[in-house]
N, C-alpha and C. Protein backbone atom coordinates (compact mmCIF):
# COMPACT_ATOMS: atom_id res chain seq x y z
N MET A 1 18.09 73.39 -32.14
CA MET A 1 17.88 72.00 -31.29
C MET A 1 19.34 71.59 -31.01
N ASP A 2 19.36 70.89 -29.96
CA ASP A 2 21.18 69.95 -29.33
C ASP A 2 20.94 68.89 -30.26
N THR A 3 22.43 68.84 -30.44
CA THR A 3 22.25 67.00 -30.78
C THR A 3 21.79 66.35 -30.30
N ILE A 4 21.63 65.09 -30.45
CA ILE A 4 21.10 63.71 -29.76
C ILE A 4 21.79 62.76 -30.09
N GLN A 5 22.16 62.27 -28.79
CA GLN A 5 23.14 61.14 -28.39
C GLN A 5 22.57 59.99 -28.08
N VAL A 6 23.32 58.51 -28.70
CA VAL A 6 22.75 57.72 -28.28
C VAL A 6 24.08 56.44 -27.92
N THR A 7 23.58 55.86 -27.08
CA THR A 7 24.77 54.04 -26.92
C THR A 7 23.91 53.19 -27.03
N ALA A 8 23.92 52.17 -27.82
CA ALA A 8 23.16 51.22 -27.65
C ALA A 8 24.17 49.85 -27.23
N ARG A 9 23.83 48.96 -26.50
CA ARG A 9 24.31 47.75 -26.19
C ARG A 9 24.05 46.93 -26.87
N LEU A 10 24.50 45.91 -27.49
CA LEU A 10 24.06 44.81 -28.53
C LEU A 10 24.93 43.37 -27.81
N THR A 11 23.95 42.44 -26.92
CA THR A 11 24.37 41.34 -26.55
C THR A 11 24.29 40.28 -27.91
N ILE A 12 25.46 40.13 -28.55
CA ILE A 12 25.41 39.11 -29.76
C ILE A 12 24.97 37.25 -29.62
N HIS A 13 24.07 37.00 -30.27
CA HIS A 13 23.60 35.43 -29.90
C HIS A 13 24.70 34.44 -29.92
N GLU A 14 24.67 33.60 -29.44
CA GLU A 14 25.75 32.40 -29.86
C GLU A 14 25.75 31.92 -31.07
N GLY A 15 26.61 31.91 -31.50
CA GLY A 15 26.92 31.13 -33.25
C GLY A 15 26.59 32.57 -33.99
N LYS A 16 26.42 33.60 -33.82
CA LYS A 16 25.91 34.89 -34.71
C LYS A 16 27.04 35.63 -35.07
N LEU A 17 28.00 35.38 -34.63
CA LEU A 17 28.99 36.45 -34.63
C LEU A 17 29.67 37.05 -36.25
N GLU A 18 29.82 36.29 -37.27
CA GLU A 18 29.75 36.53 -38.33
C GLU A 18 29.12 36.98 -39.31
N GLU A 19 27.85 36.52 -38.65
CA GLU A 19 26.87 37.32 -39.12
C GLU A 19 26.45 38.37 -39.04
N PHE A 20 26.45 38.59 -37.65
CA PHE A 20 26.72 40.20 -36.99
C PHE A 20 27.45 40.94 -37.47
N LYS A 21 28.96 40.54 -37.89
CA LYS A 21 29.96 41.91 -38.59
C LYS A 21 29.18 41.80 -39.94
N GLU A 22 28.66 41.08 -40.41
CA GLU A 22 28.61 41.39 -41.90
C GLU A 22 27.27 42.68 -42.00
N LEU A 23 26.27 42.22 -40.77
CA LEU A 23 25.49 43.16 -40.83
C LEU A 23 25.74 44.61 -40.39
N ALA A 24 26.90 44.70 -39.48
CA ALA A 24 27.04 45.86 -38.87
C ALA A 24 27.91 46.71 -39.81
N ALA A 25 28.35 45.81 -41.21
CA ALA A 25 29.25 46.44 -42.46
C ALA A 25 28.21 47.30 -42.59
N GLN A 26 27.01 46.51 -43.02
CA GLN A 26 26.05 46.50 -44.24
C GLN A 26 25.42 48.31 -43.14
N CYS A 27 25.29 48.28 -42.07
CA CYS A 27 24.73 49.29 -41.42
C CYS A 27 26.05 50.34 -41.84
N MET A 28 27.40 50.30 -41.35
CA MET A 28 28.20 51.41 -41.68
C MET A 28 28.27 51.87 -43.22
N ARG A 29 27.78 51.21 -44.30
CA ARG A 29 28.01 51.51 -45.28
C ARG A 29 26.73 52.20 -45.50
N SER A 30 25.54 52.00 -45.15
CA SER A 30 24.74 52.62 -45.11
C SER A 30 24.29 54.15 -45.10
N VAL A 31 25.07 54.13 -43.24
CA VAL A 31 25.07 55.60 -42.79
C VAL A 31 26.22 56.57 -43.45
N ARG A 32 27.18 55.69 -43.99
CA ARG A 32 28.04 56.55 -45.30
C ARG A 32 27.53 57.10 -46.25
N GLU A 33 26.57 56.18 -47.09
CA GLU A 33 26.05 56.55 -48.32
C GLU A 33 25.20 57.20 -48.66
N ARG A 34 24.16 57.03 -47.29
CA ARG A 34 22.80 57.55 -47.10
C ARG A 34 22.19 58.67 -46.30
N ASP A 35 23.19 58.00 -45.04
CA ASP A 35 22.31 59.50 -43.78
C ASP A 35 23.12 60.85 -44.38
N SER A 36 22.70 61.69 -43.86
CA SER A 36 22.86 62.93 -43.98
C SER A 36 22.79 64.36 -42.75
N GLY A 37 22.11 63.39 -41.52
CA GLY A 37 22.49 63.98 -40.56
C GLY A 37 23.46 63.18 -39.30
N THR A 38 24.27 62.09 -39.65
CA THR A 38 24.95 61.42 -38.87
C THR A 38 25.56 61.59 -38.54
N LEU A 39 26.05 62.68 -37.52
CA LEU A 39 27.30 62.71 -37.13
C LEU A 39 28.59 61.56 -36.57
N GLN A 40 28.43 60.90 -35.41
CA GLN A 40 28.78 59.89 -35.01
C GLN A 40 28.24 58.52 -35.26
N TYR A 41 28.93 57.91 -35.82
CA TYR A 41 28.42 56.25 -36.24
C TYR A 41 29.62 55.37 -35.75
N ASP A 42 30.16 54.59 -34.73
CA ASP A 42 31.30 53.47 -34.31
C ASP A 42 30.43 52.64 -33.35
N TRP A 43 31.22 51.26 -33.74
CA TRP A 43 30.38 50.06 -33.16
C TRP A 43 32.18 49.81 -32.65
N PHE A 44 32.08 49.15 -31.35
CA PHE A 44 33.01 48.73 -30.79
C PHE A 44 32.71 47.32 -30.51
N LEU A 45 33.50 46.02 -30.45
CA LEU A 45 33.24 44.68 -29.92
C LEU A 45 34.08 44.71 -28.86
N ASN A 46 33.72 44.08 -27.72
CA ASN A 46 34.18 43.60 -26.56
C ASN A 46 35.31 42.71 -26.88
N ASN A 47 36.37 42.37 -26.09
CA ASN A 47 37.49 41.94 -26.32
C ASN A 47 37.19 39.78 -26.63
N ASN A 48 35.91 39.42 -26.42
CA ASN A 48 35.59 38.06 -26.33
C ASN A 48 34.64 38.04 -27.77
N HIS A 49 34.54 39.66 -28.10
CA HIS A 49 33.38 39.65 -29.53
C HIS A 49 32.14 38.86 -28.77
N THR A 50 31.39 39.23 -27.56
CA THR A 50 29.84 38.88 -27.47
C THR A 50 28.84 40.09 -27.48
N GLU A 51 29.56 41.01 -27.24
CA GLU A 51 28.77 42.37 -26.83
C GLU A 51 29.47 43.51 -27.93
N CYS A 52 28.52 44.06 -28.23
CA CYS A 52 29.00 45.34 -28.78
C CYS A 52 28.44 46.61 -28.53
N VAL A 53 28.87 47.86 -28.53
CA VAL A 53 28.71 48.87 -28.01
C VAL A 53 28.74 50.03 -29.31
N VAL A 54 27.41 50.33 -29.57
CA VAL A 54 27.35 51.54 -30.75
C VAL A 54 26.76 52.96 -30.38
N ARG A 55 27.98 54.01 -30.67
CA ARG A 55 27.82 55.33 -30.20
C ARG A 55 27.26 56.08 -31.52
N GLU A 56 26.38 57.07 -31.52
CA GLU A 56 25.84 57.20 -32.27
C GLU A 56 25.45 59.20 -31.86
N LYS A 57 25.89 59.67 -33.02
CA LYS A 57 25.39 60.80 -32.75
C LYS A 57 24.52 61.51 -33.88
N TYR A 58 23.67 62.22 -33.70
CA TYR A 58 22.86 62.73 -34.78
C TYR A 58 22.63 64.15 -34.53
N LYS A 59 22.52 65.13 -35.62
CA LYS A 59 22.65 66.96 -35.65
C LYS A 59 20.96 66.65 -35.32
N ASP A 60 19.71 66.24 -35.38
CA ASP A 60 18.58 66.27 -34.54
C ASP A 60 18.02 65.55 -34.79
N SER A 61 16.63 65.54 -34.70
CA SER A 61 15.73 64.76 -34.79
C SER A 61 15.36 63.89 -35.64
N GLY A 62 14.81 64.59 -36.80
CA GLY A 62 15.04 64.39 -38.16
C GLY A 62 15.89 63.03 -38.84
N ALA A 63 17.35 63.87 -38.19
CA ALA A 63 18.38 62.96 -38.46
C ALA A 63 18.17 61.62 -38.35
N VAL A 64 17.75 61.56 -36.76
CA VAL A 64 17.39 59.82 -36.15
C VAL A 64 16.80 58.70 -37.08
N LEU A 65 15.23 60.12 -37.20
CA LEU A 65 13.82 59.33 -37.90
C LEU A 65 14.75 59.08 -39.63
N GLU A 66 15.39 59.58 -39.86
CA GLU A 66 16.00 59.14 -41.72
C GLU A 66 17.19 58.06 -41.36
N HIS A 67 17.93 58.11 -40.02
CA HIS A 67 18.83 56.98 -40.02
C HIS A 67 17.92 55.62 -40.21
N VAL A 68 17.15 55.52 -38.96
CA VAL A 68 16.27 54.50 -39.12
C VAL A 68 15.31 53.85 -39.90
N ALA A 69 15.22 54.72 -40.74
CA ALA A 69 14.49 54.73 -42.52
C ALA A 69 15.23 54.20 -43.02
N ASN A 70 16.30 54.65 -43.12
CA ASN A 70 17.42 54.34 -44.20
C ASN A 70 18.05 52.46 -43.81
N LEU A 71 18.21 52.44 -42.45
CA LEU A 71 18.56 50.73 -41.95
C LEU A 71 17.92 49.89 -42.21
N GLY A 72 16.02 49.97 -41.99
CA GLY A 72 15.03 49.71 -42.21
C GLY A 72 15.41 48.17 -41.97
N PRO A 73 15.28 46.96 -42.95
CA PRO A 73 15.48 45.44 -43.04
C PRO A 73 16.66 45.52 -42.08
N THR A 74 17.92 45.89 -42.60
CA THR A 74 19.09 45.76 -41.99
C THR A 74 19.45 45.15 -40.52
N LEU A 75 18.54 46.55 -40.08
CA LEU A 75 18.55 46.57 -38.22
C LEU A 75 17.62 45.75 -37.85
N GLY A 76 16.30 45.28 -38.26
CA GLY A 76 16.06 44.27 -38.13
C GLY A 76 16.76 42.92 -37.76
N ALA A 77 17.35 42.77 -39.02
CA ALA A 77 17.75 41.50 -39.12
C ALA A 77 18.97 41.80 -38.03
N VAL A 78 19.69 42.64 -37.53
CA VAL A 78 20.69 43.05 -36.48
C VAL A 78 19.48 42.81 -35.29
N LEU A 79 18.88 43.00 -34.94
CA LEU A 79 18.05 42.88 -33.59
C LEU A 79 17.28 41.51 -33.53
N ASN A 80 17.56 40.30 -34.94
CA ASN A 80 16.94 39.08 -34.78
C ASN A 80 18.61 38.12 -33.89
N ILE A 81 19.34 39.07 -34.19
CA ILE A 81 20.50 38.06 -33.99
C ILE A 81 21.13 38.73 -32.80
N SER A 82 21.04 39.84 -31.94
CA SER A 82 21.12 40.34 -30.59
C SER A 82 19.89 40.68 -30.10
N ASP A 83 20.60 41.42 -28.54
CA ASP A 83 19.71 41.79 -27.62
C ASP A 83 19.99 43.28 -27.38
N MET A 84 19.38 44.34 -27.74
CA MET A 84 19.82 45.43 -27.07
C MET A 84 19.05 46.30 -26.00
N ALA A 85 19.90 46.96 -25.55
CA ALA A 85 19.70 47.69 -24.22
C ALA A 85 20.12 49.45 -24.16
N LEU A 86 19.27 50.30 -24.07
CA LEU A 86 20.01 51.21 -24.26
C LEU A 86 20.40 52.15 -23.07
């Protein structure tokens, strides 16, 4: 199967930037320490730090499922302080 690529766009809720940055760091740490099939996982903030683009690439669909399971509540916390569009 071909690799799976995802681009997620997150609009950060006003006043939540520092919390967002902390959660993003937790997500990055989780990917490094727990994911086995994540090939790319990069977060980019725009100039005024109101939006973030996340570029993701996975070995296969199993790697996507593993990633989502590993992030668990951290991903939920990110989605509580931002709006996501794929």
